[in-house]
Amino acid sequence: QVKLVESGGDLVQPGGSLKLSCVASGFTFRNYGINWYRQAPGKERELVATITSFGTSTNFADSVKGRFTISRDNAQSMVYLQMNSLKPEDTAVYYCHTRGSKDFEVWGQGTLVTVSS
């Protein structure tokens, strides 16, 4: 079964750090770029970070640039989102996502990050 499963969401204070994980199964992970999206309450889903299939290139939304990093371990079919200097506006459900050719697209179920004192 093709799946992406996120974990690591939690309640964290402003200025704190959190590391999200996403494990893939059911497809050849190393062939696909991976994205992290987030959706805050009442807002549209937004793209936060991307990483290419072998991790040679990454991109970030302006709102998280310099605070978040994305990495991957193809041997373990894992992708990570390291989030530092968290702000209340980072509060959202974070989703792992990939897309390929021929209508191949996978979303994880999401993990909730709450930044609050």
Protein backbone atom coordinates (compact mmCIF):
# COMPACT_ATOMS: atom_id res chain seq x y z
CA GLN A 1 0.00 0.00 0.00
CA VAL A 2 1.32 3.42 -0.98
CA LYS A 3 1.61 5.58 2.14
CA LEU A 4 3.25 8.57 3.72
CA VAL A 5 3.01 8.73 7.50
CA GLU A 6 4.04 11.82 9.44
CA SER A 7 5.00 12.00 13.09
CA GLY A 8 6.59 14.40 15.55
CA GLY A 9 3.92 17.05 15.89
CA ASP A 10 3.58 18.50 19.38
CA LEU A 11 2.90 21.55 21.50
CA VAL A 12 5.98 23.75 21.67
CA GLN A 13 6.69 27.19 23.07
CA PRO A 14 7.55 30.13 20.81
CA GLY A 15 11.24 30.08 20.01
CA GLY A 16 11.39 26.33 20.41
CA SER A 17 12.30 23.59 17.97
CA LEU A 18 10.61 20.51 16.63
CA LYS A 19 11.56 17.82 14.13
CA LEU A 20 8.91 16.20 11.99
CA SER A 21 9.40 12.85 10.31
CA CYS A 22 7.69 11.23 7.36
CA VAL A 23 8.12 7.59 6.43
CA ALA A 24 7.19 6.31 2.99
CA SER A 25 6.11 2.86 1.89
CA GLY A 26 4.72 1.16 -1.16
CA PHE A 27 6.71 3.06 -3.78
CA THR A 28 10.33 3.64 -4.81
CA PHE A 29 11.03 6.52 -2.47
CA ARG A 30 14.37 7.55 -3.93
CA ASN A 31 12.74 8.36 -7.27
CA TYR A 32 10.54 11.13 -5.91
CA GLY A 33 10.91 14.61 -4.63
CA ILE A 34 9.09 15.19 -1.35
CA ASN A 35 7.18 18.22 -0.14
CA TRP A 36 6.04 19.43 3.25
CA TYR A 37 2.82 21.42 3.27
CA ARG A 38 0.95 22.95 6.17
CA GLN A 39 -2.58 24.13 6.78
CA ALA A 40 -3.46 26.48 9.57
CA PRO A 41 -7.03 26.77 10.87
CA GLY A 42 -9.15 28.75 8.45
CA LYS A 43 -6.36 29.06 5.89
CA GLU A 44 -5.44 27.36 2.65
CA ARG A 45 -2.81 24.68 2.52
CA GLU A 46 0.60 26.12 1.73
CA LEU A 47 3.85 24.64 0.51
CA VAL A 48 6.53 24.92 3.17
CA ALA A 49 9.55 23.01 1.88
CA THR A 50 10.65 20.72 -0.92
CA ILE A 51 13.54 18.35 -1.46
CA THR A 52 14.58 16.62 -4.65
CA SER A 53 14.83 12.86 -4.99
CA PHE A 54 18.47 12.63 -3.93
CA GLY A 55 18.39 15.63 -1.66
CA THR A 56 20.63 17.74 -3.85
CA SER A 57 18.25 20.68 -3.92
CA THR A 58 15.85 22.18 -1.39
CA ASN A 59 13.44 25.10 -1.41
CA PHE A 60 11.52 26.88 1.29
CA ALA A 61 8.63 29.26 1.63
CA ASP A 62 9.76 32.77 2.49
CA SER A 63 7.93 32.53 5.79
CA VAL A 64 10.18 29.71 7.03
CA LYS A 65 13.44 30.41 5.21
CA GLY A 66 16.37 30.41 7.59
CA ARG A 67 14.38 28.65 10.31
CA PHE A 68 13.38 25.31 8.73
CA THR A 69 15.52 22.70 7.05
CA ILE A 70 14.47 19.63 5.10
CA SER A 71 16.47 16.44 4.71
CA ARG A 72 15.97 12.85 3.66
CA ASP A 73 17.37 9.37 4.17
CA ASN A 74 16.64 7.30 1.08
CA ALA A 75 17.92 4.12 2.72
CA GLN A 76 15.22 4.46 5.38
CA SER A 77 12.58 6.03 3.10
CA MET A 78 12.39 8.94 5.50
CA VAL A 79 12.14 12.69 5.11
CA TYR A 80 12.53 15.19 7.93
CA LEU A 81 11.52 18.76 8.61
CA GLN A 82 13.61 20.48 11.26
CA MET A 83 11.82 23.54 12.56
CA ASN A 84 13.67 26.09 14.68
CA SER A 85 12.73 29.46 16.16
CA LEU A 86 9.08 28.48 15.97
CA LYS A 87 6.44 31.19 15.97
CA PRO A 88 2.73 31.03 16.83
CA GLU A 89 1.99 31.53 13.13
CA ASP A 90 3.72 28.20 12.44
CA THR A 91 0.80 26.47 14.15
CA ALA A 92 -0.75 24.12 11.59
CA VAL A 93 -1.25 20.57 10.49
CA TYR A 94 1.86 19.57 8.56
CA TYR A 95 1.56 17.17 5.64
CA CYS A 96 4.07 15.10 3.72
CA HIS A 97 3.39 14.91 -0.02
CA THR A 98 4.76 13.56 -3.25
CA ARG A 99 3.64 13.65 -6.84
CA GLY A 100 4.80 11.83 -9.95
CA SER A 101 3.67 11.12 -13.46
CA LYS A 102 0.43 9.45 -14.50
CA ASP A 103 -1.73 10.80 -11.69
CA PHE A 104 0.55 9.44 -8.97
CA GLU A 105 0.09 11.59 -5.88
CA VAL A 106 0.29 10.73 -2.19
CA TRP A 107 -0.63 12.74 0.90
CA GLY A 108 0.06 11.79 4.47
CA GLN A 109 -2.57 12.11 7.16
CA GLY A 110 -0.86 15.10 8.77
CA THR A 111 0.67 15.87 12.14
CA LEU A 112 -0.36 18.81 14.32
CA VAL A 113 2.16 21.41 15.41
CA THR A 114 0.99 23.94 17.97
CA VAL A 115 3.23 26.85 18.93
CA SER A 116 1.93 28.51 22.06
CA SER A 117 3.04 29.62 25.49
